[in-house]
Amino acid sequence: MSEKHIYKVVFVNQEQVYEVYVGNVYQGDWYGFVVIEDFIFGEKSTIVVDPTEEKLRHEFAGVDRCFIPMHRVVRIDQVKKRGTAKIVALGKDGAERCDKVAPLYSPDKK
C-alpha cells in the first residue's frame, strides 16, 4: 500500500509569503508553473484557533488545483505531518517580516 505524502509549499503571492500544506505537487502542463492540489487544513471547529489558517481556508475554498509561477516558489518540502498554514508579510513595513526570503526580479516592478 502506498504511503500518503504531505508537502509544505512556500511561495510568494502579492508581497506575502504563503505556507500551505498539500497532498500533491507537480510540474504542470503549462510551462513555468508548479501545480499544487489537495489542500490540507486543520479540523474545522466552532472556535477559530488560528485566524491566518482560517483566511487561507477561505481563500482556497473550492480550489481544486492552484498554478503557481515557478519563480514565485521559495521551497517545497515533503513532511511527515501537517503544520499550521500561514501567511507572513514580505515587506520591510510589515508587522511580521520574512528576512530569509528574497524576491526575484519581476518585470512589473520599476
PDB file of N, CA and C in Angstrom:
ATOM      1  N   MET A   1       0.845  -1.181   0.000  1.00  0.00           N
ATOM      2  CA  MET A   1       0.000   0.000   0.000  1.00  0.00           C
ATOM      3  C   MET A   1       0.895   1.250   0.000  1.00  0.00           C
ATOM      4  N   SER A   2       0.577   2.209  -0.838  1.00  0.00           N
ATOM      5  CA  SER A   2       1.406   3.402  -0.933  1.00  0.00           C
ATOM      6  C   SER A   2       1.112   4.358   0.221  1.00  0.00           C
ATOM      7  N   GLU A   3       2.161   5.015   0.657  1.00  0.00           N
ATOM      8  CA  GLU A   3       2.064   5.965   1.759  1.00  0.00           C
ATOM      9  C   GLU A   3       1.593   7.317   1.239  1.00  0.00           C
ATOM     10  N   LYS A   4       0.691   7.972   1.943  1.00  0.00           N
ATOM     11  CA  LYS A   4       0.182   9.291   1.561  1.00  0.00           C
ATOM     12  C   LYS A   4       1.204  10.339   1.986  1.00  0.00           C
ATOM     13  N   HIS A   5       1.691  11.126   1.038  1.00  0.00           N
ATOM     14  CA  HIS A   5       2.694  12.150   1.322  1.00  0.00           C
ATOM     15  C   HIS A   5       2.022  13.482   1.598  1.00  0.00           C
ATOM     16  N   ILE A   6       2.692  14.290   2.413  1.00  0.00           N
ATOM     17  CA  ILE A   6       2.262  15.658   2.694  1.00  0.00           C
ATOM     18  C   ILE A   6       3.418  16.569   2.310  1.00  0.00           C
ATOM     19  N   TYR A   7       3.090  17.656   1.598  1.00  0.00           N
ATOM     20  CA  TYR A   7       4.105  18.603   1.158  1.00  0.00           C
ATOM     21  C   TYR A   7       3.820  19.986   1.743  1.00  0.00           C
ATOM     22  N   LYS A   8       4.875  20.620   2.242  1.00  0.00           N
ATOM     23  CA  LYS A   8       4.787  22.011   2.673  1.00  0.00           C
ATOM     24  C   LYS A   8       5.314  22.850   1.520  1.00  0.00           C
ATOM     25  N   VAL A   9       4.474  23.737   1.001  1.00  0.00           N
ATOM     26  CA  VAL A   9       4.854  24.579  -0.132  1.00  0.00           C
ATOM     27  C   VAL A   9       4.885  26.026   0.339  1.00  0.00           C
ATOM     28  N   VAL A  10       6.017  26.684   0.121  1.00  0.00           N
ATOM     29  CA  VAL A  10       6.180  28.091   0.491  1.00  0.00           C
ATOM     30  C   VAL A  10       6.345  28.872  -0.799  1.00  0.00           C
ATOM     31  N   PHE A  11       5.482  29.877  -1.000  1.00  0.00           N
ATOM     32  CA  PHE A  11       5.551  30.685  -2.212  1.00  0.00           C
ATOM     33  C   PHE A  11       5.163  32.128  -1.910  1.00  0.00           C
ATOM     34  N   VAL A  12       5.558  33.022  -2.803  1.00  0.00           N
ATOM     35  CA  VAL A  12       5.285  34.447  -2.649  1.00  0.00           C
ATOM     36  C   VAL A  12       4.075  34.806  -3.505  1.00  0.00           C
ATOM     37  N   ASN A  13       3.123  35.537  -2.889  1.00  0.00           N
ATOM     38  CA  ASN A  13       1.927  35.979  -3.590  1.00  0.00           C
ATOM     39  C   ASN A  13       1.567  37.367  -3.077  1.00  0.00           C
ATOM     40  N   GLN A  14       1.575  38.354  -3.936  1.00  0.00           N
ATOM     41  CA  GLN A  14       1.182  39.720  -3.615  1.00  0.00           C
ATOM     42  C   GLN A  14       1.900  40.244  -2.370  1.00  0.00           C
ATOM     43  N   GLU A  15       3.228  40.171  -2.389  1.00  0.00           N
ATOM     44  CA  GLU A  15       4.093  40.678  -1.315  1.00  0.00           C
ATOM     45  C   GLU A  15       3.864  39.990   0.025  1.00  0.00           C
ATOM     46  N   GLN A  16       3.361  38.759  -0.009  1.00  0.00           N
ATOM     47  CA  GLN A  16       3.200  37.952   1.191  1.00  0.00           C
ATOM     48  C   GLN A  16       3.753  36.553   0.920  1.00  0.00           C
ATOM     49  N   VAL A  17       4.271  35.936   1.962  1.00  0.00           N
ATOM     50  CA  VAL A  17       4.785  34.579   1.854  1.00  0.00           C
ATOM     51  C   VAL A  17       3.710  33.631   2.382  1.00  0.00           C
ATOM     52  N   TYR A  18       3.253  32.741   1.508  1.00  0.00           N
ATOM     53  CA  TYR A  18       2.235  31.754   1.871  1.00  0.00           C
ATOM     54  C   TYR A  18       2.930  30.445   2.194  1.00  0.00           C
ATOM     55  N   GLU A  19       2.503  29.797   3.272  1.00  0.00           N
ATOM     56  CA  GLU A  19       2.982  28.465   3.614  1.00  0.00           C
ATOM     57  C   GLU A  19       1.750  27.576   3.731  1.00  0.00           C
ATOM     58  N   VAL A  20       1.594  26.651   2.797  1.00  0.00           N
ATOM     59  CA  VAL A  20       0.427  25.780   2.774  1.00  0.00           C
ATOM     60  C   VAL A  20       0.867  24.321   2.741  1.00  0.00           C
ATOM     61  N   TYR A  21      -0.050  23.455   3.135  1.00  0.00           N
ATOM     62  CA  TYR A  21       0.203  22.015   3.130  1.00  0.00           C
ATOM     63  C   TYR A  21      -0.749  21.372   2.135  1.00  0.00           C
ATOM     64  N   VAL A  22      -0.180  20.533   1.258  1.00  0.00           N
ATOM     65  CA  VAL A  22      -0.957  19.918   0.192  1.00  0.00           C
ATOM     66  C   VAL A  22      -0.595  18.439   0.057  1.00  0.00           C
ATOM     67  N   GLY A  23      -1.457  17.712  -0.649  1.00  0.00           N
ATOM     68  CA  GLY A  23      -1.227  16.291  -0.884  1.00  0.00           C
ATOM     69  C   GLY A  23      -0.485  16.004  -2.177  1.00  0.00           C
ATOM     70  N   ASN A  24      -0.549  16.925  -3.163  1.00  0.00           N
ATOM     71  CA  ASN A  24       0.105  16.714  -4.460  1.00  0.00           C
ATOM     72  C   ASN A  24       0.800  17.976  -4.935  1.00  0.00           C
ATOM     73  N   VAL A  25       2.015  17.800  -5.444  1.00  0.00           N
ATOM     74  CA  VAL A  25       2.789  18.876  -6.067  1.00  0.00           C
ATOM     75  C   VAL A  25       3.450  18.294  -7.309  1.00  0.00           C
ATOM     76  N   TYR A  26       3.317  19.001  -8.427  1.00  0.00           N
ATOM     77  CA  TYR A  26       3.972  18.526  -9.642  1.00  0.00           C
ATOM     78  C   TYR A  26       4.120  19.669 -10.639  1.00  0.00           C
ATOM     79  N   GLN A  27       4.984  19.440 -11.622  1.00  0.00           N
ATOM     80  CA  GLN A  27       5.164  20.418 -12.688  1.00  0.00           C
ATOM     81  C   GLN A  27       3.967  20.312 -13.609  1.00  0.00           C
ATOM     82  N   GLY A  28       3.320  21.425 -13.862  1.00  0.00           N
ATOM     83  CA  GLY A  28       2.121  21.416 -14.683  1.00  0.00           C
ATOM     84  C   GLY A  28       2.415  21.343 -16.167  1.00  0.00           C
ATOM     85  N   ASP A  29       1.366  21.183 -16.937  1.00  0.00           N
ATOM     86  CA  ASP A  29       1.486  21.169 -18.392  1.00  0.00           C
ATOM     87  C   ASP A  29       1.813  22.555 -18.933  1.00  0.00           C
ATOM     88  N   TRP A  30       1.420  23.584 -18.195  1.00  0.00           N
ATOM     89  CA  TRP A  30       1.757  24.946 -18.603  1.00  0.00           C
ATOM     90  C   TRP A  30       3.209  25.189 -18.235  1.00  0.00           C
ATOM     91  N   TYR A  31       4.004  25.592 -19.194  1.00  0.00           N
ATOM     92  CA  TYR A  31       5.432  25.802 -18.973  1.00  0.00           C
ATOM     93  C   TYR A  31       5.653  26.866 -17.894  1.00  0.00           C
ATOM     94  N   GLY A  32       6.503  26.559 -16.923  1.00  0.00           N
ATOM     95  CA  GLY A  32       6.876  27.516 -15.898  1.00  0.00           C
ATOM     96  C   GLY A  32       5.948  27.565 -14.694  1.00  0.00           C
ATOM     97  N   PHE A  33       5.031  26.604 -14.570  1.00  0.00           N
ATOM     98  CA  PHE A  33       4.108  26.600 -13.439  1.00  0.00           C
ATOM     99  C   PHE A  33       4.237  25.315 -12.631  1.00  0.00           C
ATOM    100  N   VAL A  34       4.145  25.454 -11.314  1.00  0.00           N
ATOM    101  CA  VAL A  34       4.081  24.326 -10.399  1.00  0.00           C
ATOM    102  C   VAL A  34       2.623  24.201  -9.968  1.00  0.00           C
ATOM    103  N   VAL A  35       2.098  22.991  -9.957  1.00  0.00           N
ATOM    104  CA  VAL A  35       0.708  22.757  -9.584  1.00  0.00           C
ATOM    105  C   VAL A  35       0.664  22.185  -8.172  1.00  0.00           C
ATOM    106  N   ILE A  36      -0.190  22.770  -7.326  1.00  0.00           N
ATOM    107  CA  ILE A  36      -0.425  22.199  -6.009  1.00  0.00           C
ATOM    108  C   ILE A  36      -1.913  21.890  -5.902  1.00  0.00           C
ATOM    109  N   GLU A  37      -2.234  20.762  -5.259  1.00  0.00           N
ATOM    110  CA  GLU A  37      -3.636  20.375  -5.112  1.00  0.00           C
ATOM    111  C   GLU A  37      -3.818  19.545  -3.848  1.00  0.00           C
ATOM    112  N   ASP A  38      -5.060  19.292  -3.499  1.00  0.00           N
ATOM    113  CA  ASP A  38      -5.417  18.560  -2.282  1.00  0.00           C
ATOM    114  C   ASP A  38      -4.923  19.302  -1.042  1.00  0.00           C
ATOM    115  N   PHE A  39      -5.421  20.525  -0.861  1.00  0.00           N
ATOM    116  CA  PHE A  39      -5.034  21.354   0.281  1.00  0.00           C
ATOM    117  C   PHE A  39      -5.412  20.671   1.582  1.00  0.00           C
ATOM    118  N   ILE A  40      -4.524  20.768   2.572  1.00  0.00           N
ATOM    119  CA  ILE A  40      -4.742  20.150   3.872  1.00  0.00           C
ATOM    120  C   ILE A  40      -4.767  21.251   4.925  1.00  0.00           C
ATOM    121  N   PHE A  41      -5.880  21.355   5.622  1.00  0.00           N
ATOM    122  CA  PHE A  41      -6.015  22.313   6.718  1.00  0.00           C
ATOM    123  C   PHE A  41      -6.401  21.551   7.966  1.00  0.00           C
ATOM    124  N   GLY A  42      -6.292  22.225   9.125  1.00  0.00           N
ATOM    125  CA  GLY A  42      -6.676  21.601  10.388  1.00  0.00           C
ATOM    126  C   GLY A  42      -8.170  21.351  10.427  1.00  0.00           C
ATOM    127  N   GLU A  43      -8.588  20.566  11.384  1.00  0.00           N
ATOM    128  CA  GLU A  43     -10.005  20.266  11.547  1.00  0.00           C
ATOM    129  C   GLU A  43     -10.771  21.540  11.839  1.00  0.00           C
ATOM    130  N   LYS A  44     -11.897  21.684  11.194  1.00  0.00           N
ATOM    131  CA  LYS A  44     -12.741  22.853  11.399  1.00  0.00           C
ATOM    132  C   LYS A  44     -13.538  22.657  12.682  1.00  0.00           C
ATOM    133  N   SER A  45     -13.496  23.653  13.551  1.00  0.00           N
ATOM    134  CA  SER A  45     -14.246  23.575  14.800  1.00  0.00           C
ATOM    135  C   SER A  45     -15.059  24.849  14.982  1.00  0.00           C
ATOM    136  N   THR A  46     -15.823  24.904  16.053  1.00  0.00           N
ATOM    137  CA  THR A  46     -16.645  26.081  16.304  1.00  0.00           C
ATOM    138  C   THR A  46     -15.800  27.258  16.783  1.00  0.00           C
ATOM    139  N   ILE A  47     -14.631  26.974  17.347  1.00  0.00           N
ATOM    140  CA  ILE A  47     -13.735  28.028  17.820  1.00  0.00           C
ATOM    141  C   ILE A  47     -12.636  28.207  16.789  1.00  0.00           C
ATOM    142  N   VAL A  48     -12.422  29.469  16.355  1.00  0.00           N
ATOM    143  CA  VAL A  48     -11.345  29.756  15.412  1.00  0.00           C
ATOM    144  C   VAL A  48     -10.068  29.920  16.214  1.00  0.00           C
ATOM    145  N   VAL A  49      -9.160  28.965  16.084  1.00  0.00           N
ATOM    146  CA  VAL A  49      -7.921  28.993  16.839  1.00  0.00           C
ATOM    147  C   VAL A  49      -6.882  29.848  16.132  1.00  0.00           C
ATOM    148  N   ASP A  50      -6.782  29.714  14.833  1.00  0.00           N
ATOM    149  CA  ASP A  50      -5.780  30.446  14.071  1.00  0.00           C
ATOM    150  C   ASP A  50      -6.461  31.203  12.936  1.00  0.00           C
ATOM    151  N   PRO A  51      -6.604  32.531  13.057  1.00  0.00           N
ATOM    152  CA  PRO A  51      -7.295  33.291  12.007  1.00  0.00           C
ATOM    153  C   PRO A  51      -6.565  33.266  10.663  1.00  0.00           C
ATOM    154  N   THR A  52      -5.239  33.133  10.669  1.00  0.00           N
ATOM    155  CA  THR A  52      -4.493  33.076   9.410  1.00  0.00           C
ATOM    156  C   THR A  52      -4.838  31.812   8.645  1.00  0.00           C
ATOM    157  N   GLU A  53      -4.884  30.682   9.340  1.00  0.00           N
ATOM    158  CA  GLU A  53      -5.232  29.430   8.662  1.00  0.00           C
ATOM    159  C   GLU A  53      -6.672  29.486   8.169  1.00  0.00           C
ATOM    160  N   GLU A  54      -7.545  30.119   8.935  1.00  0.00           N
ATOM    161  CA  GLU A  54      -8.938  30.254   8.513  1.00  0.00           C
ATOM    162  C   GLU A  54      -9.032  31.128   7.256  1.00  0.00           C
ATOM    163  N   LYS A  55      -8.204  32.179   7.177  1.00  0.00           N
ATOM    164  CA  LYS A  55      -8.168  33.036   5.984  1.00  0.00           C
ATOM    165  C   LYS A  55      -7.720  32.226   4.768  1.00  0.00           C
ATOM    166  N   LEU A  56      -6.693  31.396   4.943  1.00  0.00           N
ATOM    167  CA  LEU A  56      -6.221  30.546   3.848  1.00  0.00           C
ATOM    168  C   LEU A  56      -7.278  29.527   3.448  1.00  0.00           C
ATOM    169  N   ARG A  57      -7.976  28.980   4.423  1.00  0.00           N
ATOM    170  CA  ARG A  57      -9.038  28.011   4.140  1.00  0.00           C
ATOM    171  C   ARG A  57     -10.111  28.652   3.255  1.00  0.00           C
ATOM    172  N   HIS A  58     -10.492  29.902   3.579  1.00  0.00           N
ATOM    173  CA  HIS A  58     -11.497  30.600   2.774  1.00  0.00           C
ATOM    174  C   HIS A  58     -10.949  30.982   1.397  1.00  0.00           C
ATOM    175  N   GLU A  59      -9.686  31.398   1.348  1.00  0.00           N
ATOM    176  CA  GLU A  59      -9.089  31.791   0.064  1.00  0.00           C
ATOM    177  C   GLU A  59      -9.021  30.619  -0.908  1.00  0.00           C
ATOM    178  N   PHE A  60      -8.731  29.433  -0.396  1.00  0.00           N
ATOM    179  CA  PHE A  60      -8.593  28.265  -1.262  1.00  0.00           C
ATOM    180  C   PHE A  60      -9.829  27.366  -1.251  1.00  0.00           C
ATOM    181  N   ALA A  61     -10.925  27.847  -0.681  1.00  0.00           N
ATOM    182  CA  ALA A  61     -12.174  27.071  -0.682  1.00  0.00           C
ATOM    183  C   ALA A  61     -12.654  26.897  -2.121  1.00  0.00           C
ATOM    184  N   GLY A  62     -12.960  25.697  -2.487  1.00  0.00           N
ATOM    185  CA  GLY A  62     -13.445  25.419  -3.835  1.00  0.00           C
ATOM    186  C   GLY A  62     -12.356  25.342  -4.893  1.00  0.00           C
ATOM    187  N   VAL A  63     -11.089  25.486  -4.497  1.00  0.00           N
ATOM    188  CA  VAL A  63      -9.974  25.412  -5.457  1.00  0.00           C
ATOM    189  C   VAL A  63      -9.528  23.960  -5.562  1.00  0.00           C
ATOM    190  N   ASP A  64      -9.609  23.405  -6.779  1.00  0.00           N
ATOM    191  CA  ASP A  64      -9.157  22.029  -6.990  1.00  0.00           C
ATOM    192  C   ASP A  64      -7.641  21.959  -7.112  1.00  0.00           C
ATOM    193  N   ARG A  65      -7.091  22.880  -7.904  1.00  0.00           N
ATOM    194  CA  ARG A  65      -5.631  22.947  -8.056  1.00  0.00           C
ATOM    195  C   ARG A  65      -5.235  24.385  -8.283  1.00  0.00           C
ATOM    196  N   CYS A  66      -4.040  24.702  -7.850  1.00  0.00           N
ATOM    197  CA  CYS A  66      -3.522  26.067  -7.934  1.00  0.00           C
ATOM    198  C   CYS A  66      -2.237  26.037  -8.766  1.00  0.00           C
ATOM    199  N   PHE A  67      -2.140  26.921  -9.737  1.00  0.00           N
ATOM    200  CA  PHE A  67      -0.974  27.012 -10.609  1.00  0.00           C
ATOM    201  C   PHE A  67      -0.115  28.182 -10.128  1.00  0.00           C
ATOM    202  N   ILE A  68       1.086  27.882  -9.656  1.00  0.00           N
ATOM    203  CA  ILE A  68       1.975  28.904  -9.110  1.00  0.00           C
ATOM    204  C   ILE A  68       3.147  29.079 -10.069  1.00  0.00           C
ATOM    205  N   PRO A  69       3.447  30.327 -10.460  1.00  0.00           N
ATOM    206  CA  PRO A  69       4.624  30.539 -11.318  1.00  0.00           C
ATOM    207  C   PRO A  69       5.880  30.002 -10.619  1.00  0.00           C
ATOM    208  N   MET A  70       6.688  29.278 -11.353  1.00  0.00           N
ATOM    209  CA  MET A  70       7.864  28.620 -10.797  1.00  0.00           C
ATOM    210  C   MET A  70       8.789  29.585 -10.065  1.00  0.00           C
ATOM    211  N   HIS A  71       8.930  30.808 -10.580  1.00  0.00           N
ATOM    212  CA  HIS A  71       9.850  31.763  -9.956  1.00  0.00           C
ATOM    213  C   HIS A  71       9.293  32.354  -8.661  1.00  0.00           C
ATOM    214  N   ARG A  72       8.045  32.059  -8.310  1.00  0.00           N
ATOM    215  CA  ARG A  72       7.464  32.540  -7.051  1.00  0.00           C
ATOM    216  C   ARG A  72       7.540  31.479  -5.945  1.00  0.00           C
ATOM    217  N   VAL A  73       7.922  30.251  -6.297  1.00  0.00           N
ATOM    218  CA  VAL A  73       8.054  29.183  -5.303  1.00  0.00           C
ATOM    219  C   VAL A  73       9.385  29.357  -4.579  1.00  0.00           C
ATOM    220  N   VAL A  74       9.321  29.386  -3.254  1.00  0.00           N
ATOM    221  CA  VAL A  74      10.515  29.526  -2.435  1.00  0.00           C
ATOM    222  C   VAL A  74      11.056  28.160  -2.058  1.00  0.00           C
ATOM    223  N   ARG A  75      10.148  27.263  -1.655  1.00  0.00           N
ATOM    224  CA  ARG A  75      10.604  25.964  -1.160  1.00  0.00           C
ATOM    225  C   ARG A  75       9.452  24.965  -1.179  1.00  0.00           C
ATOM    226  N   ILE A  76       9.789  23.702  -1.421  1.00  0.00           N
ATOM    227  CA  ILE A  76       8.826  22.606  -1.330  1.00  0.00           C
ATOM    228  C   ILE A  76       9.483  21.507  -0.500  1.00  0.00           C
ATOM    229  N   ASP A  77       8.840  21.129   0.605  1.00  0.00           N
ATOM    230  CA  ASP A  77       9.362  20.082   1.484  1.00  0.00           C
ATOM    231  C   ASP A  77       8.344  18.961   1.615  1.00  0.00           C
ATOM    232  N   GLN A  78       8.821  17.729   1.609  1.00  0.00           N
ATOM    233  CA  GLN A  78       7.957  16.599   1.944  1.00  0.00           C
ATOM    234  C   GLN A  78       8.086  16.423   3.452  1.00  0.00           C
ATOM    235  N   VAL A  79       6.969  16.465   4.169  1.00  0.00           N
ATOM    236  CA  VAL A  79       6.988  16.418   5.634  1.00  0.00           C
ATOM    237  C   VAL A  79       6.218  15.203   6.133  1.00  0.00           C
ATOM    238  N   LYS A  80       6.464  14.834   7.389  1.00  0.00           N
ATOM    239  CA  LYS A  80       5.784  13.678   7.975  1.00  0.00           C
ATOM    240  C   LYS A  80       4.390  14.019   8.472  1.00  0.00           C
ATOM    241  N   LYS A  81       4.211  15.261   8.970  1.00  0.00           N
ATOM    242  CA  LYS A  81       2.875  15.653   9.422  1.00  0.00           C
ATOM    243  C   LYS A  81       2.630  17.123   9.114  1.00  0.00           C
ATOM    244  N   ARG A  82       1.367  17.477   9.064  1.00  0.00           N
ATOM    245  CA  ARG A  82       0.952  18.830   8.712  1.00  0.00           C
ATOM    246  C   ARG A  82       1.266  19.794   9.848  1.00  0.00           C
ATOM    247  N   GLY A  83       1.725  20.975   9.474  1.00  0.00           N
ATOM    248  CA  GLY A  83       1.913  22.055  10.429  1.00  0.00           C
ATOM    249  C   GLY A  83       0.784  23.056  10.250  1.00  0.00           C
ATOM    250  N   THR A  84       1.000  24.268  10.715  1.00  0.00           N
ATOM    251  CA  THR A  84      -0.011  25.310  10.603  1.00  0.00           C
ATOM    252  C   THR A  84       0.220  26.119   9.337  1.00  0.00           C
ATOM    253  N   ALA A  85      -0.789  26.204   8.503  1.00  0.00           N
ATOM    254  CA  ALA A  85      -0.702  27.044   7.303  1.00  0.00           C
ATOM    255  C   ALA A  85      -0.682  28.496   7.744  1.00  0.00           C
ATOM    256  N   LYS A  86       0.114  29.331   7.051  1.00  0.00           N
ATOM    257  CA  LYS A  86       0.203  30.725   7.469  1.00  0.00           C
ATOM    258  C   LYS A  86       0.590  31.638   6.328  1.00  0.00           C
ATOM    259  N   ILE A  87       0.403  32.933   6.586  1.00  0.00           N
ATOM    260  CA  ILE A  87       0.809  33.992   5.669  1.00  0.00           C
ATOM    261  C   ILE A  87       1.698  34.941   6.456  1.00  0.00           C
ATOM    262  N   VAL A  88       2.855  35.291   5.876  1.00  0.00           N
ATOM    263  CA  VAL A  88       3.786  36.205   6.520  1.00  0.00           C
ATOM    264  C   VAL A  88       4.050  37.363   5.574  1.00  0.00           C
ATOM    265  N   ALA A  89       4.021  38.588   6.093  1.00  0.00           N
ATOM    266  CA  ALA A  89       4.281  39.765   5.264  1.00  0.00           C
ATOM    267  C   ALA A  89       5.728  39.747   4.786  1.00  0.00           C
ATOM    268  N   LEU A  90       5.943  40.108   3.535  1.00  0.00           N
ATOM    269  CA  LEU A  90       7.276  40.093   2.939  1.00  0.00           C
ATOM    270  C   LEU A  90       7.972  41.440   3.057  1.00  0.00           C
ATOM    271  N   GLY A  91       7.222  42.528   3.062  1.00  0.00           N
ATOM    272  CA  GLY A  91       7.805  43.865   3.043  1.00  0.00           C
ATOM    273  C   GLY A  91       8.470  44.270   4.339  1.00  0.00           C
ATOM    274  N   LYS A  92       9.327  45.278   4.277  1.00  0.00           N
ATOM    275  CA  LYS A  92      10.022  45.780   5.453  1.00  0.00           C
ATOM    276  C   LYS A  92       9.065  46.478   6.412  1.00  0.00           C
ATOM    277  N   ASP A  93       7.937  46.969   5.909  1.00  0.00           N
ATOM    278  CA  ASP A  93       6.985  47.679   6.746  1.00  0.00           C
ATOM    279  C   ASP A  93       5.988  46.747   7.424  1.00  0.00           C
ATOM    280  N   GLY A  94       6.001  45.459   7.067  1.00  0.00           N
ATOM    281  CA  GLY A  94       5.030  44.519   7.619  1.00  0.00           C
ATOM    282  C   GLY A  94       5.280  44.257   9.093  1.00  0.00           C
ATOM    283  N   ALA A  95       4.219  43.936   9.815  1.00  0.00           N
ATOM    284  CA  ALA A  95       4.340  43.633  11.234  1.00  0.00           C
ATOM    285  C   ALA A  95       5.206  42.392  11.437  1.00  0.00           C
ATOM    286  N   GLU A  96       5.036  41.419  10.580  1.00  0.00           N
ATOM    287  CA  GLU A  96       5.879  40.231  10.601  1.00  0.00           C
ATOM    288  C   GLU A  96       6.750  40.288   9.355  1.00  0.00           C
ATOM    289  N   ARG A  97       8.015  39.980   9.513  1.00  0.00           N
ATOM    290  CA  ARG A  97       8.916  40.002   8.367  1.00  0.00           C
ATOM    291  C   ARG A  97       9.449  38.617   8.104  1.00  0.00           C
ATOM    292  N   CYS A  98       9.785  38.403   6.886  1.00  0.00           N
ATOM    293  CA  CYS A  98      10.406  37.144   6.500  1.00  0.00           C
ATOM    294  C   CYS A  98      11.747  37.511   5.876  1.00  0.00           C
ATOM    295  N   ASP A  99      12.787  37.661   6.708  1.00  0.00           N
ATOM    296  CA  ASP A  99      14.095  38.112   6.240  1.00  0.00           C
ATOM    297  C   ASP A  99      14.831  37.082   5.401  1.00  0.00           C
ATOM    298  N   LYS A 100      14.396  35.838   5.443  1.00  0.00           N
ATOM    299  CA  LYS A 100      15.103  34.777   4.739  1.00  0.00           C
ATOM    300  C   LYS A 100      14.620  34.590   3.316  1.00  0.00           C
ATOM    301  N   VAL A 101      13.666  35.398   2.865  1.00  0.00           N
ATOM    302  CA  VAL A 101      13.116  35.258   1.528  1.00  0.00           C
ATOM    303  C   VAL A 101      13.440  36.512   0.730  1.00  0.00           C
ATOM    304  N   ALA A 102      14.125  36.336  -0.388  1.00  0.00           N
ATOM    305  CA  ALA A 102      14.434  37.459  -1.274  1.00  0.00           C
ATOM    306  C   ALA A 102      13.640  37.285  -2.554  1.00  0.00           C
ATOM    307  N   PRO A 103      12.801  38.272  -2.901  1.00  0.00           N
ATOM    308  CA  PRO A 103      12.026  38.133  -4.135  1.00  0.00           C
ATOM    309  C   PRO A 103      12.925  38.231  -5.361  1.00  0.00           C
ATOM    310  N   LEU A 104      12.625  37.449  -6.385  1.00  0.00           N
ATOM    311  CA  LEU A 104      13.348  37.505  -7.637  1.00  0.00           C
ATOM    312  C   LEU A 104      12.866  38.685  -8.465  1.00  0.00           C
ATOM    313  N   TYR A 105      13.602  38.997  -9.486  1.00  0.00           N
ATOM    314  CA  TYR A 105      13.214  40.091 -10.374  1.00  0.00           C
ATOM    315  C   TYR A 105      11.858  39.804 -10.980  1.00  0.00           C
ATOM    316  N   SER A 106      11.035  40.820 -11.009  1.00  0.00           N
ATOM    317  CA  SER A 106       9.728  40.711 -11.615  1.00  0.00           C
ATOM    318  C   SER A 106       9.564  41.890 -12.570  1.00  0.00           C
ATOM    319  N   PRO A 107       9.192  41.643 -13.815  1.00  0.00           N
ATOM    320  CA  PRO A 107       9.122  42.724 -14.806  1.00  0.00           C
ATOM    321  C   PRO A 107       8.101  43.796 -14.467  1.00  0.00           C
ATOM    322  N   ASP A 108       7.145  43.517 -13.587  1.00  0.00           N
ATOM    323  CA  ASP A 108       6.145  44.527 -13.260  1.00  0.00           C
ATOM    324  C   ASP A 108       6.664  45.539 -12.253  1.00  0.00           C
ATOM    325  N   LYS A 109       7.823  45.310 -11.635  1.00  0.00           N
ATOM    326  CA  LYS A 109       8.428  46.249 -10.679  1.00  0.00           C
ATOM    327  C   LYS A 109       9.294  47.252 -11.415  1.00  0.00           C
ATOM    328  N   LYS A 110       9.268  48.498 -10.967  1.00  0.00           N
ATOM    329  CA  LYS A 110      10.117  49.527 -11.581  1.00  0.00           C
ATOM    330  C   LYS A 110      10.985  50.156 -10.547  1.00  0.00           C
TER     331      LYS A 110
END
